[in-house]
Amino acid sequence: LQGAGWGGEPGSAPSRFDRALLAGWSDRMERGLFRYRLGPLPTRVLPGPMGLVAQLNVQRGTERRPPQAVRSLRQPFDPGAFNFTRIAPGEVLLRLRRAGVDGDRLLVAINASPLERGHVLLLPEPARGLRASVNPRPLHGLYLDRPLLVESAPARPLCPPRGLSLLTGVPAPAFLFYAAGPAGREALAGDVCRAAEHLEDTGLAYNVFATRGDPPEG
């Protein structure tokens, strides 16, 4: 599916999925299911070549649940600590699964300490007891009404046939995996998973950031 454009661009209207997610998110905010009520956030683009986007969200720093201590990337699942098998049913917005597969494969739930409007957690198979700072390894999804540097930063090719490059003109060096369209996404996902497993085996912490962007060539 095509990603929505920025405001005023062709195709900038939110998709049916976006509308369902944001409507559910706003409903939970009105019902008081978040740790705090999120209003408009002071936002500015910092001067400098990177154009970093800065937001002030004091409540996120003072009212979020304290994170758990993580001693190892291979830390075993602790059923006695907070985990996403315990979230309230009202916090779940959507249940996603592959066509033809029984059971919930991925839950879309509110982040009770949101960074921005529409901030959600994508929870793959919570019952499996996988570890991150909490169980399972969540992916964060949010809407930001500004382009980010990573979407158009220059990249140095490392393995062009696999769509692998190195981003250097960003705040932290990063590997870039790129797919030009839906046909290449499954292979790209496999490459990302193998890279993540290798980093875990070496004990290196990492983040995975998924976004739309320009082709890395040039």
N, C-alpha and C. Protein backbone atom coordinates (compact mmCIF):
# COMPACT_ATOMS: atom_id res chain seq x y z
N LEU A 1 0.83 -1.19 0.00
CA LEU A 1 0.00 0.00 0.00
C LEU A 1 0.87 1.25 0.00
N GLN A 2 0.42 2.27 -0.69
CA GLN A 2 1.14 3.53 -0.70
C GLN A 2 1.03 4.21 0.65
N GLY A 3 2.13 4.77 1.14
CA GLY A 3 2.08 5.55 2.36
C GLY A 3 1.42 6.89 2.08
N ALA A 4 0.73 7.43 3.07
CA ALA A 4 0.09 8.73 2.92
C ALA A 4 1.14 9.81 2.75
N GLY A 5 0.83 10.82 1.91
CA GLY A 5 1.75 11.93 1.73
C GLY A 5 1.60 12.95 2.84
N TRP A 6 2.45 13.97 2.80
CA TRP A 6 2.33 15.05 3.78
C TRP A 6 1.13 15.91 3.41
N GLY A 7 0.63 16.70 4.37
CA GLY A 7 -0.55 17.52 4.14
C GLY A 7 -0.45 18.34 2.87
N GLY A 8 -1.49 18.28 2.05
CA GLY A 8 -1.50 19.03 0.80
C GLY A 8 -0.97 18.26 -0.38
N GLU A 9 -0.24 17.17 -0.15
CA GLU A 9 0.28 16.37 -1.24
C GLU A 9 -0.79 15.41 -1.76
N PRO A 10 -0.69 14.97 -3.00
CA PRO A 10 -1.62 13.94 -3.49
C PRO A 10 -1.53 12.68 -2.62
N GLY A 11 -2.67 12.13 -2.27
CA GLY A 11 -2.68 10.92 -1.47
C GLY A 11 -2.43 11.16 0.00
N SER A 12 -2.60 12.42 0.46
CA SER A 12 -2.27 12.72 1.86
C SER A 12 -3.40 12.37 2.82
N ALA A 13 -4.58 12.00 2.30
CA ALA A 13 -5.69 11.65 3.19
C ALA A 13 -5.36 10.37 3.94
N PRO A 14 -5.72 10.28 5.23
CA PRO A 14 -5.44 9.04 5.98
C PRO A 14 -6.21 7.86 5.40
N SER A 15 -5.64 6.69 5.51
CA SER A 15 -6.27 5.47 5.01
C SER A 15 -7.37 5.01 5.96
N ARG A 16 -8.11 4.00 5.53
CA ARG A 16 -9.14 3.42 6.40
C ARG A 16 -8.52 2.88 7.69
N PHE A 17 -7.34 2.27 7.57
CA PHE A 17 -6.63 1.76 8.75
C PHE A 17 -6.27 2.91 9.69
N ASP A 18 -5.72 4.01 9.13
CA ASP A 18 -5.37 5.16 9.96
C ASP A 18 -6.59 5.72 10.68
N ARG A 19 -7.69 5.83 9.97
CA ARG A 19 -8.91 6.39 10.58
C ARG A 19 -9.41 5.52 11.71
N ALA A 20 -9.38 4.19 11.52
CA ALA A 20 -9.84 3.28 12.56
C ALA A 20 -8.92 3.35 13.78
N LEU A 21 -7.61 3.39 13.55
CA LEU A 21 -6.67 3.44 14.65
C LEU A 21 -6.82 4.74 15.44
N LEU A 22 -6.86 5.87 14.75
CA LEU A 22 -6.92 7.17 15.43
C LEU A 22 -8.25 7.37 16.14
N ALA A 23 -9.34 6.86 15.55
CA ALA A 23 -10.64 6.96 16.22
C ALA A 23 -10.64 6.16 17.52
N GLY A 24 -10.08 4.94 17.48
CA GLY A 24 -10.00 4.13 18.69
C GLY A 24 -9.08 4.76 19.72
N TRP A 25 -7.97 5.33 19.27
CA TRP A 25 -7.02 5.98 20.18
C TRP A 25 -7.69 7.16 20.89
N SER A 26 -8.39 8.00 20.14
CA SER A 26 -9.06 9.16 20.74
C SER A 26 -10.16 8.73 21.71
N ASP A 27 -10.86 7.65 21.38
CA ASP A 27 -11.89 7.12 22.27
C ASP A 27 -11.28 6.70 23.61
N ARG A 28 -10.13 6.02 23.57
CA ARG A 28 -9.49 5.58 24.83
C ARG A 28 -8.97 6.77 25.63
N MET A 29 -8.55 7.84 24.93
CA MET A 29 -8.11 9.03 25.64
C MET A 29 -9.30 9.66 26.38
N GLU A 30 -10.46 9.72 25.73
CA GLU A 30 -11.64 10.29 26.37
C GLU A 30 -12.11 9.42 27.53
N ARG A 31 -11.88 8.11 27.45
CA ARG A 31 -12.29 7.19 28.53
C ARG A 31 -11.29 7.14 29.68
N GLY A 32 -10.19 7.86 29.57
CA GLY A 32 -9.23 7.93 30.67
C GLY A 32 -8.36 6.70 30.83
N LEU A 33 -8.05 5.99 29.74
CA LEU A 33 -7.25 4.78 29.83
C LEU A 33 -5.75 5.05 29.74
N PHE A 34 -5.35 6.31 29.54
CA PHE A 34 -3.94 6.66 29.49
C PHE A 34 -3.49 7.16 30.87
N ARG A 35 -2.20 7.20 31.08
CA ARG A 35 -1.66 7.69 32.35
C ARG A 35 -1.80 9.20 32.48
N TYR A 36 -1.95 9.89 31.37
CA TYR A 36 -2.13 11.34 31.40
C TYR A 36 -2.86 11.75 30.13
N ARG A 37 -3.44 12.93 30.18
CA ARG A 37 -4.15 13.46 29.02
C ARG A 37 -3.16 14.23 28.15
N LEU A 38 -3.03 13.84 26.90
CA LEU A 38 -2.05 14.42 26.01
C LEU A 38 -2.69 15.53 25.20
N GLY A 39 -2.21 16.75 25.40
CA GLY A 39 -2.65 17.88 24.60
C GLY A 39 -1.63 18.22 23.53
N PRO A 40 -1.81 19.35 22.84
CA PRO A 40 -0.82 19.76 21.84
C PRO A 40 0.56 19.93 22.49
N LEU A 41 1.59 19.41 21.84
CA LEU A 41 2.94 19.46 22.38
C LEU A 41 3.74 20.57 21.73
N PRO A 42 4.47 21.37 22.53
CA PRO A 42 5.38 22.35 21.93
C PRO A 42 6.40 21.64 21.05
N THR A 43 6.47 22.02 19.79
CA THR A 43 7.31 21.33 18.82
C THR A 43 8.07 22.36 18.00
N ARG A 44 9.35 22.08 17.75
CA ARG A 44 10.13 22.96 16.88
C ARG A 44 11.18 22.13 16.15
N VAL A 45 11.60 22.66 15.02
CA VAL A 45 12.70 22.07 14.27
C VAL A 45 13.96 22.82 14.67
N LEU A 46 14.95 22.09 15.20
CA LEU A 46 16.16 22.72 15.69
C LEU A 46 17.03 23.23 14.53
N PRO A 47 17.72 24.35 14.74
CA PRO A 47 18.61 24.83 13.68
C PRO A 47 19.76 23.85 13.46
N GLY A 48 20.28 23.86 12.25
CA GLY A 48 21.37 22.96 11.92
C GLY A 48 21.04 22.11 10.71
N PRO A 49 22.03 21.47 10.12
CA PRO A 49 21.82 20.73 8.88
C PRO A 49 20.93 19.51 9.02
N MET A 50 20.81 18.94 10.22
CA MET A 50 19.99 17.74 10.38
C MET A 50 18.51 18.04 10.53
N GLY A 51 18.16 19.27 10.91
CA GLY A 51 16.74 19.61 11.08
C GLY A 51 16.05 18.72 12.08
N LEU A 52 16.68 18.48 13.23
CA LEU A 52 16.10 17.59 14.23
C LEU A 52 14.80 18.16 14.77
N VAL A 53 13.81 17.28 14.96
CA VAL A 53 12.51 17.68 15.49
C VAL A 53 12.52 17.47 17.00
N ALA A 54 12.24 18.53 17.75
CA ALA A 54 12.24 18.47 19.21
C ALA A 54 10.83 18.73 19.73
N GLN A 55 10.38 17.91 20.68
CA GLN A 55 9.09 18.09 21.32
C GLN A 55 9.28 18.08 22.84
N LEU A 56 8.46 18.88 23.53
CA LEU A 56 8.48 18.91 24.99
C LEU A 56 7.27 18.14 25.51
N ASN A 57 7.53 17.02 26.19
CA ASN A 57 6.47 16.18 26.74
C ASN A 57 6.85 15.87 28.19
N VAL A 58 6.54 16.79 29.10
CA VAL A 58 6.95 16.67 30.49
C VAL A 58 6.29 15.46 31.15
N GLN A 59 5.02 15.21 30.85
CA GLN A 59 4.30 14.12 31.51
C GLN A 59 4.90 12.75 31.19
N ARG A 60 5.42 12.59 29.99
CA ARG A 60 6.06 11.32 29.64
C ARG A 60 7.23 11.04 30.59
N GLY A 61 7.94 12.09 30.99
CA GLY A 61 9.07 11.90 31.88
C GLY A 61 8.70 11.70 33.33
N THR A 62 7.54 12.23 33.75
CA THR A 62 7.20 12.19 35.17
C THR A 62 6.15 11.16 35.52
N GLU A 63 5.31 10.74 34.57
CA GLU A 63 4.16 9.90 34.91
C GLU A 63 4.17 8.54 34.24
N ARG A 64 5.18 8.21 33.45
CA ARG A 64 5.21 6.90 32.82
C ARG A 64 5.60 5.84 33.85
N ARG A 65 5.27 4.59 33.54
CA ARG A 65 5.68 3.48 34.40
C ARG A 65 7.19 3.34 34.34
N PRO A 66 7.86 3.24 35.50
CA PRO A 66 9.32 3.12 35.48
C PRO A 66 9.74 1.88 34.70
N PRO A 67 10.74 2.02 33.80
CA PRO A 67 11.18 0.85 33.03
C PRO A 67 11.86 -0.18 33.91
N GLN A 68 11.78 -1.44 33.48
CA GLN A 68 12.42 -2.52 34.21
C GLN A 68 13.92 -2.53 33.94
N ALA A 69 14.68 -3.04 34.90
CA ALA A 69 16.13 -3.17 34.71
C ALA A 69 16.39 -4.29 33.72
N VAL A 70 17.20 -4.02 32.71
CA VAL A 70 17.57 -5.02 31.71
C VAL A 70 19.05 -5.33 31.88
N ARG A 71 19.36 -6.56 32.22
CA ARG A 71 20.74 -6.97 32.47
C ARG A 71 21.39 -7.64 31.26
N SER A 72 20.54 -8.14 30.33
CA SER A 72 21.08 -8.86 29.19
C SER A 72 20.04 -8.85 28.08
N LEU A 73 20.50 -8.87 26.83
CA LEU A 73 19.58 -8.98 25.70
C LEU A 73 18.91 -10.34 25.67
N ARG A 74 19.49 -11.33 26.34
CA ARG A 74 18.92 -12.67 26.41
C ARG A 74 18.21 -12.91 27.75
N GLN A 75 17.86 -11.84 28.43
CA GLN A 75 17.22 -11.97 29.73
C GLN A 75 15.93 -12.78 29.61
N PRO A 76 15.75 -13.78 30.46
CA PRO A 76 14.55 -14.62 30.34
C PRO A 76 13.29 -13.86 30.73
N PHE A 77 12.19 -14.31 30.20
CA PHE A 77 10.90 -13.71 30.50
C PHE A 77 10.54 -13.92 31.96
N ASP A 78 10.11 -12.84 32.63
CA ASP A 78 9.72 -12.89 34.03
C ASP A 78 8.20 -12.73 34.12
N PRO A 79 7.46 -13.82 34.33
CA PRO A 79 5.99 -13.71 34.37
C PRO A 79 5.48 -12.87 35.54
N GLY A 80 6.33 -12.67 36.57
CA GLY A 80 5.89 -11.88 37.72
C GLY A 80 6.00 -10.39 37.52
N ALA A 81 6.78 -9.96 36.49
CA ALA A 81 6.93 -8.53 36.21
C ALA A 81 5.84 -8.09 35.24
N PHE A 82 5.75 -6.76 35.02
CA PHE A 82 4.76 -6.28 34.05
C PHE A 82 5.03 -6.89 32.69
N ASN A 83 3.97 -7.34 32.04
CA ASN A 83 4.09 -7.82 30.67
C ASN A 83 2.76 -7.60 29.97
N PHE A 84 2.79 -7.71 28.64
CA PHE A 84 1.62 -7.33 27.86
C PHE A 84 0.54 -8.40 27.80
N THR A 85 0.72 -9.51 28.51
CA THR A 85 -0.42 -10.42 28.67
C THR A 85 -1.38 -9.88 29.72
N ARG A 86 -0.98 -8.83 30.44
CA ARG A 86 -1.79 -8.27 31.52
C ARG A 86 -2.50 -6.98 31.16
N ILE A 87 -2.36 -6.51 29.93
CA ILE A 87 -3.00 -5.24 29.60
C ILE A 87 -4.52 -5.38 29.62
N ALA A 88 -5.18 -4.29 29.97
CA ALA A 88 -6.64 -4.30 30.04
C ALA A 88 -7.23 -4.46 28.64
N PRO A 89 -8.35 -5.18 28.51
CA PRO A 89 -8.94 -5.37 27.17
C PRO A 89 -9.23 -4.05 26.47
N GLY A 90 -9.61 -3.02 27.23
CA GLY A 90 -9.93 -1.74 26.61
C GLY A 90 -8.75 -1.05 25.96
N GLU A 91 -7.52 -1.48 26.30
CA GLU A 91 -6.34 -0.85 25.72
C GLU A 91 -6.02 -1.39 24.33
N VAL A 92 -6.64 -2.51 23.95
CA VAL A 92 -6.40 -3.10 22.62
C VAL A 92 -7.28 -2.40 21.60
N LEU A 93 -6.67 -1.88 20.55
CA LEU A 93 -7.41 -1.18 19.49
C LEU A 93 -7.77 -2.11 18.34
N LEU A 94 -6.82 -2.95 17.91
CA LEU A 94 -7.02 -3.80 16.74
C LEU A 94 -6.31 -5.13 16.96
N ARG A 95 -6.82 -6.16 16.31
CA ARG A 95 -6.18 -7.48 16.29
C ARG A 95 -5.93 -7.83 14.84
N LEU A 96 -4.66 -8.06 14.50
CA LEU A 96 -4.28 -8.30 13.11
C LEU A 96 -3.77 -9.73 12.96
N ARG A 97 -4.06 -10.33 11.82
CA ARG A 97 -3.53 -11.66 11.52
C ARG A 97 -3.40 -11.80 10.02
N ARG A 98 -2.53 -12.72 9.63
CA ARG A 98 -2.41 -13.04 8.21
C ARG A 98 -3.67 -13.76 7.74
N ALA A 99 -4.04 -13.53 6.52
CA ALA A 99 -5.20 -14.22 5.95
C ALA A 99 -4.95 -15.73 6.00
N GLY A 100 -5.94 -16.47 6.49
CA GLY A 100 -5.83 -17.92 6.54
C GLY A 100 -5.12 -18.45 7.76
N VAL A 101 -4.70 -17.59 8.70
CA VAL A 101 -4.02 -18.03 9.92
C VAL A 101 -4.95 -17.83 11.10
N ASP A 102 -5.15 -18.86 11.91
CA ASP A 102 -6.03 -18.77 13.05
C ASP A 102 -5.35 -18.07 14.22
N GLY A 103 -6.15 -17.41 15.03
CA GLY A 103 -5.64 -16.80 16.27
C GLY A 103 -5.03 -15.43 16.05
N ASP A 104 -4.87 -14.69 17.16
CA ASP A 104 -4.26 -13.36 17.11
C ASP A 104 -2.76 -13.49 16.89
N ARG A 105 -2.26 -12.83 15.88
CA ARG A 105 -0.83 -12.83 15.61
C ARG A 105 -0.18 -11.53 16.09
N LEU A 106 -0.94 -10.43 16.06
CA LEU A 106 -0.37 -9.15 16.43
C LEU A 106 -1.48 -8.26 16.98
N LEU A 107 -1.26 -7.73 18.17
CA LEU A 107 -2.20 -6.80 18.77
C LEU A 107 -1.71 -5.37 18.57
N VAL A 108 -2.64 -4.46 18.32
CA VAL A 108 -2.34 -3.03 18.28
C VAL A 108 -3.00 -2.42 19.51
N ALA A 109 -2.20 -1.91 20.44
CA ALA A 109 -2.71 -1.38 21.71
C ALA A 109 -2.20 0.03 21.93
N ILE A 110 -2.90 0.78 22.76
CA ILE A 110 -2.43 2.12 23.08
C ILE A 110 -1.13 2.04 23.87
N ASN A 111 -0.28 3.03 23.73
CA ASN A 111 0.82 3.22 24.66
C ASN A 111 0.29 4.14 25.75
N ALA A 112 0.16 3.62 26.96
CA ALA A 112 -0.49 4.37 28.03
C ALA A 112 0.27 5.62 28.43
N SER A 113 1.55 5.73 28.03
CA SER A 113 2.35 6.94 28.27
C SER A 113 2.78 7.48 26.90
N PRO A 114 1.87 8.13 26.18
CA PRO A 114 2.12 8.42 24.77
C PRO A 114 3.13 9.54 24.55
N LEU A 115 3.89 9.36 23.47
CA LEU A 115 4.80 10.41 23.00
C LEU A 115 4.08 11.43 22.14
N GLU A 116 3.05 10.99 21.42
CA GLU A 116 2.39 11.83 20.43
C GLU A 116 1.01 11.25 20.17
N ARG A 117 0.14 12.03 19.57
CA ARG A 117 -1.19 11.53 19.21
C ARG A 117 -1.05 10.30 18.31
N GLY A 118 -1.83 9.27 18.63
CA GLY A 118 -1.80 8.05 17.83
C GLY A 118 -0.67 7.11 18.18
N HIS A 119 0.05 7.36 19.29
CA HIS A 119 1.18 6.49 19.68
C HIS A 119 0.63 5.14 20.15
N VAL A 120 0.99 4.09 19.44
CA VAL A 120 0.49 2.74 19.74
C VAL A 120 1.67 1.78 19.88
N LEU A 121 1.35 0.60 20.40
CA LEU A 121 2.30 -0.50 20.48
C LEU A 121 1.81 -1.63 19.59
N LEU A 122 2.71 -2.18 18.79
CA LEU A 122 2.42 -3.36 17.99
C LEU A 122 3.03 -4.54 18.73
N LEU A 123 2.18 -5.45 19.17
CA LEU A 123 2.60 -6.52 20.08
C LEU A 123 2.51 -7.87 19.36
N PRO A 124 3.62 -8.40 18.87
CA PRO A 124 3.58 -9.69 18.17
C PRO A 124 3.48 -10.86 19.14
N GLU A 125 2.40 -11.60 19.07
CA GLU A 125 2.21 -12.83 19.83
C GLU A 125 2.60 -12.69 21.30
N PRO A 126 1.87 -11.89 22.08
CA PRO A 126 2.26 -11.65 23.48
C PRO A 126 2.42 -12.92 24.31
N ALA A 127 1.62 -13.95 24.01
CA ALA A 127 1.65 -15.15 24.85
C ALA A 127 2.97 -15.92 24.75
N ARG A 128 3.81 -15.61 23.76
CA ARG A 128 5.08 -16.33 23.61
C ARG A 128 6.11 -15.93 24.66
N GLY A 129 5.91 -14.80 25.34
CA GLY A 129 6.83 -14.43 26.41
C GLY A 129 8.19 -14.00 25.94
N LEU A 130 8.28 -13.28 24.81
CA LEU A 130 9.56 -12.75 24.35
C LEU A 130 9.94 -11.54 25.21
N ARG A 131 11.28 -11.23 25.26
CA ARG A 131 11.72 -10.15 26.15
C ARG A 131 12.23 -8.95 25.37
N ALA A 132 11.91 -7.74 25.94
CA ALA A 132 12.64 -6.51 25.61
C ALA A 132 12.75 -5.79 26.93
N SER A 133 12.51 -4.44 26.95
CA SER A 133 12.43 -3.79 28.27
C SER A 133 11.18 -4.27 28.99
N VAL A 134 10.19 -4.72 28.21
CA VAL A 134 9.01 -5.41 28.75
C VAL A 134 8.68 -6.53 27.78
N ASN A 135 7.80 -7.43 28.20
CA ASN A 135 7.35 -8.50 27.31
C ASN A 135 6.12 -8.03 26.54
N PRO A 136 5.99 -8.34 25.23
CA PRO A 136 7.00 -8.92 24.39
C PRO A 136 7.90 -7.82 23.86
N ARG A 137 8.53 -8.04 22.71
CA ARG A 137 9.35 -6.98 22.12
C ARG A 137 8.42 -6.08 21.31
N PRO A 138 8.01 -4.96 21.87
CA PRO A 138 7.02 -4.16 21.16
C PRO A 138 7.65 -3.29 20.08
N LEU A 139 6.87 -3.04 19.05
CA LEU A 139 7.19 -2.00 18.09
C LEU A 139 6.31 -0.81 18.39
N HIS A 140 6.88 0.39 18.39
CA HIS A 140 6.11 1.60 18.61
C HIS A 140 5.69 2.17 17.26
N GLY A 141 4.46 2.62 17.18
CA GLY A 141 3.98 3.31 15.99
C GLY A 141 3.41 4.65 16.39
N LEU A 142 3.73 5.70 15.61
CA LEU A 142 3.16 7.01 15.93
C LEU A 142 3.10 7.85 14.66
N TYR A 143 2.34 8.92 14.76
CA TYR A 143 2.17 9.86 13.66
C TYR A 143 2.91 11.13 14.00
N LEU A 144 3.74 11.61 13.08
CA LEU A 144 4.47 12.85 13.27
C LEU A 144 4.28 13.68 12.01
N ASP A 145 3.78 14.87 12.16
CA ASP A 145 3.40 15.68 11.00
C ASP A 145 4.58 16.46 10.43
N ARG A 146 5.74 15.86 10.45
CA ARG A 146 6.94 16.50 9.89
C ARG A 146 7.83 15.43 9.28
N PRO A 147 8.47 15.74 8.15
CA PRO A 147 9.44 14.79 7.60
C PRO A 147 10.64 14.66 8.53
N LEU A 148 11.27 13.49 8.51
CA LEU A 148 12.46 13.24 9.31
C LEU A 148 13.67 13.08 8.39
N LEU A 149 14.84 13.44 8.89
CA LEU A 149 16.07 13.36 8.13
C LEU A 149 16.30 11.97 7.55
N VAL A 150 15.96 10.93 8.32
CA VAL A 150 16.25 9.56 7.90
C VAL A 150 15.53 9.19 6.60
N GLU A 151 14.45 9.91 6.26
CA GLU A 151 13.68 9.59 5.07
C GLU A 151 14.40 9.96 3.77
N SER A 152 15.37 10.86 3.86
CA SER A 152 16.05 11.30 2.65
C SER A 152 17.56 11.43 2.83
N ALA A 153 18.11 10.92 3.93
CA ALA A 153 19.54 11.04 4.19
C ALA A 153 20.34 10.24 3.17
N PRO A 154 21.52 10.71 2.77
CA PRO A 154 22.34 9.96 1.83
C PRO A 154 22.84 8.66 2.45
N ALA A 155 23.03 7.66 1.61
CA ALA A 155 23.46 6.34 2.08
C ALA A 155 24.60 5.83 1.22
N ARG A 156 25.50 5.05 1.83
CA ARG A 156 26.62 4.44 1.11
C ARG A 156 26.30 2.96 0.88
N PRO A 157 26.23 2.52 -0.38
CA PRO A 157 25.88 1.12 -0.66
C PRO A 157 26.87 0.14 -0.03
N LEU A 158 26.35 -0.91 0.59
CA LEU A 158 27.17 -1.99 1.14
C LEU A 158 26.96 -3.29 0.37
N CYS A 159 25.70 -3.59 0.08
CA CYS A 159 25.36 -4.80 -0.67
C CYS A 159 24.12 -4.48 -1.52
N PRO A 160 24.32 -3.79 -2.65
CA PRO A 160 23.18 -3.31 -3.43
C PRO A 160 22.17 -4.38 -3.82
N PRO A 161 22.60 -5.61 -4.19
CA PRO A 161 21.58 -6.60 -4.57
C PRO A 161 20.59 -6.90 -3.44
N ARG A 162 21.03 -6.73 -2.19
CA ARG A 162 20.15 -7.00 -1.04
C ARG A 162 19.50 -5.74 -0.50
N GLY A 163 19.73 -4.60 -1.15
CA GLY A 163 19.14 -3.36 -0.67
C GLY A 163 19.74 -2.87 0.62
N LEU A 164 21.03 -3.19 0.88
CA LEU A 164 21.67 -2.84 2.14
C LEU A 164 22.64 -1.69 1.93
N SER A 165 22.49 -0.63 2.74
CA SER A 165 23.37 0.53 2.69
C SER A 165 23.72 0.94 4.11
N LEU A 166 24.59 1.94 4.22
CA LEU A 166 24.98 2.50 5.50
C LEU A 166 24.62 3.97 5.53
N LEU A 167 23.82 4.36 6.52
CA LEU A 167 23.49 5.76 6.73
C LEU A 167 24.55 6.38 7.64
N THR A 168 25.14 7.48 7.19
CA THR A 168 26.18 8.13 7.99
C THR A 168 25.81 9.55 8.38
N GLY A 169 24.97 10.23 7.62
CA GLY A 169 24.65 11.62 7.90
C GLY A 169 23.47 11.78 8.84
N VAL A 170 23.36 10.89 9.82
CA VAL A 170 22.26 10.91 10.79
C VAL A 170 22.87 10.90 12.20
N PRO A 171 22.08 11.16 13.25
CA PRO A 171 22.67 11.27 14.59
C PRO A 171 23.45 10.04 15.04
N ALA A 172 23.08 8.85 14.60
CA ALA A 172 23.82 7.64 14.93
C ALA A 172 23.94 6.81 13.66
N PRO A 173 25.12 6.23 13.38
CA PRO A 173 25.26 5.40 12.19
C PRO A 173 24.24 4.26 12.20
N ALA A 174 23.75 3.91 11.02
CA ALA A 174 22.70 2.89 10.95
C ALA A 174 22.80 2.13 9.64
N PHE A 175 22.45 0.85 9.69
CA PHE A 175 22.26 0.09 8.47
C PHE A 175 20.89 0.43 7.89
N LEU A 176 20.84 0.58 6.60
CA LEU A 176 19.59 0.88 5.92
C LEU A 176 19.21 -0.31 5.03
N PHE A 177 18.04 -0.87 5.28
CA PHE A 177 17.46 -1.90 4.44
C PHE A 177 16.30 -1.27 3.68
N TYR A 178 16.30 -1.37 2.37
CA TYR A 178 15.31 -0.66 1.55
C TYR A 178 14.63 -1.61 0.57
N ALA A 179 13.32 -1.48 0.47
CA ALA A 179 12.55 -2.21 -0.54
C ALA A 179 11.76 -1.19 -1.35
N ALA A 180 11.81 -1.32 -2.67
CA ALA A 180 11.15 -0.35 -3.54
C ALA A 180 9.64 -0.54 -3.61
N GLY A 181 9.16 -1.70 -3.19
CA GLY A 181 7.72 -1.95 -3.28
C GLY A 181 7.35 -3.21 -2.52
N PRO A 182 6.05 -3.57 -2.53
CA PRO A 182 5.58 -4.72 -1.76
C PRO A 182 6.29 -6.03 -2.10
N ALA A 183 6.71 -6.20 -3.35
CA ALA A 183 7.32 -7.48 -3.75
C ALA A 183 8.62 -7.76 -2.99
N GLY A 184 9.32 -6.71 -2.54
CA GLY A 184 10.58 -6.92 -1.88
C GLY A 184 10.52 -6.92 -0.37
N ARG A 185 9.34 -6.75 0.19
CA ARG A 185 9.26 -6.55 1.64
C ARG A 185 9.52 -7.82 2.43
N GLU A 186 9.08 -8.97 1.94
CA GLU A 186 9.28 -10.20 2.71
C GLU A 186 10.76 -10.54 2.82
N ALA A 187 11.50 -10.42 1.71
CA ALA A 187 12.94 -10.68 1.75
C ALA A 187 13.64 -9.66 2.64
N LEU A 188 13.21 -8.40 2.57
CA LEU A 188 13.80 -7.36 3.42
C LEU A 188 13.57 -7.69 4.89
N ALA A 189 12.36 -8.11 5.25
CA ALA A 189 12.07 -8.45 6.64
C ALA A 189 12.97 -9.58 7.13
N GLY A 190 13.22 -10.57 6.26
CA GLY A 190 14.12 -11.66 6.63
C GLY A 190 15.53 -11.17 6.87
N ASP A 191 16.02 -10.25 6.02
CA ASP A 191 17.36 -9.70 6.21
C ASP A 191 17.45 -8.93 7.52
N VAL A 192 16.43 -8.14 7.83
CA VAL A 192 16.43 -7.37 9.08
C VAL A 192 16.46 -8.31 10.28
N CYS A 193 15.67 -9.38 10.23
CA CYS A 193 15.64 -10.32 11.35
C CYS A 193 16.99 -11.00 11.55
N ARG A 194 17.63 -11.38 10.45
CA ARG A 194 18.95 -12.02 10.56
C ARG A 194 19.98 -11.05 11.13
N ALA A 195 19.92 -9.79 10.71
CA ALA A 195 20.85 -8.79 11.25
C ALA A 195 20.61 -8.59 12.74
N ALA A 196 19.33 -8.53 13.15
CA ALA A 196 19.01 -8.34 14.56
C ALA A 196 19.49 -9.52 15.40
N GLU A 197 19.31 -10.74 14.88
CA GLU A 197 19.77 -11.93 15.61
C GLU A 197 21.29 -11.91 15.77
N HIS A 198 21.99 -11.46 14.74
CA HIS A 198 23.46 -11.39 14.84
C HIS A 198 23.87 -10.39 15.91
N LEU A 199 23.21 -9.22 15.95
CA LEU A 199 23.55 -8.23 16.96
C LEU A 199 23.26 -8.76 18.36
N GLU A 200 22.17 -9.48 18.52
CA GLU A 200 21.86 -10.07 19.83
C GLU A 200 22.92 -11.09 20.23
N ASP A 201 23.36 -11.90 19.28
CA ASP A 201 24.37 -12.91 19.59
C ASP A 201 25.67 -12.27 20.08
N THR A 202 25.96 -11.05 19.59
CA THR A 202 27.18 -10.37 20.01
C THR A 202 26.96 -9.49 21.23
N GLY A 203 25.72 -9.42 21.74
CA GLY A 203 25.43 -8.64 22.93
C GLY A 203 25.26 -7.16 22.69
N LEU A 204 25.04 -6.75 21.44
CA LEU A 204 24.89 -5.34 21.12
C LEU A 204 23.41 -4.96 21.09
N ALA A 205 23.04 -3.94 21.88
CA ALA A 205 21.67 -3.44 21.85
C ALA A 205 21.43 -2.66 20.56
N TYR A 206 20.20 -2.63 20.10
CA TYR A 206 19.88 -1.98 18.83
C TYR A 206 18.42 -1.55 18.84
N ASN A 207 18.09 -0.66 17.91
CA ASN A 207 16.71 -0.30 17.63
C ASN A 207 16.43 -0.57 16.16
N VAL A 208 15.20 -0.89 15.84
CA VAL A 208 14.76 -1.03 14.45
C VAL A 208 13.74 0.09 14.19
N PHE A 209 13.99 0.88 13.16
CA PHE A 209 13.11 1.99 12.82
C PHE A 209 12.59 1.79 11.41
N ALA A 210 11.29 1.71 11.25
CA ALA A 210 10.68 1.49 9.93
C ALA A 210 9.95 2.75 9.50
N THR A 211 10.22 3.21 8.29
CA THR A 211 9.57 4.41 7.78
C THR A 211 9.57 4.37 6.26
N ARG A 212 8.76 5.18 5.67
CA ARG A 212 8.86 5.39 4.22
C ARG A 212 10.11 6.22 3.95
N GLY A 213 10.54 6.28 2.71
CA GLY A 213 11.72 7.07 2.40
C GLY A 213 12.06 7.03 0.94
N ASP A 214 12.99 7.88 0.55
CA ASP A 214 13.45 7.93 -0.83
C ASP A 214 14.39 6.77 -1.10
N PRO A 215 14.54 6.35 -2.37
CA PRO A 215 15.53 5.32 -2.70
C PRO A 215 16.92 5.77 -2.25
N PRO A 216 17.75 4.84 -1.77
CA PRO A 216 19.05 5.22 -1.24
C PRO A 216 20.05 5.68 -2.30
N GLU A 217 19.81 5.36 -3.57
CA GLU A 217 20.76 5.78 -4.61
C GLU A 217 20.80 7.30 -4.68
N GLY A 218 21.96 7.88 -4.43
CA GLY A 218 22.10 9.33 -4.51
C GLY A 218 21.59 10.06 -3.31
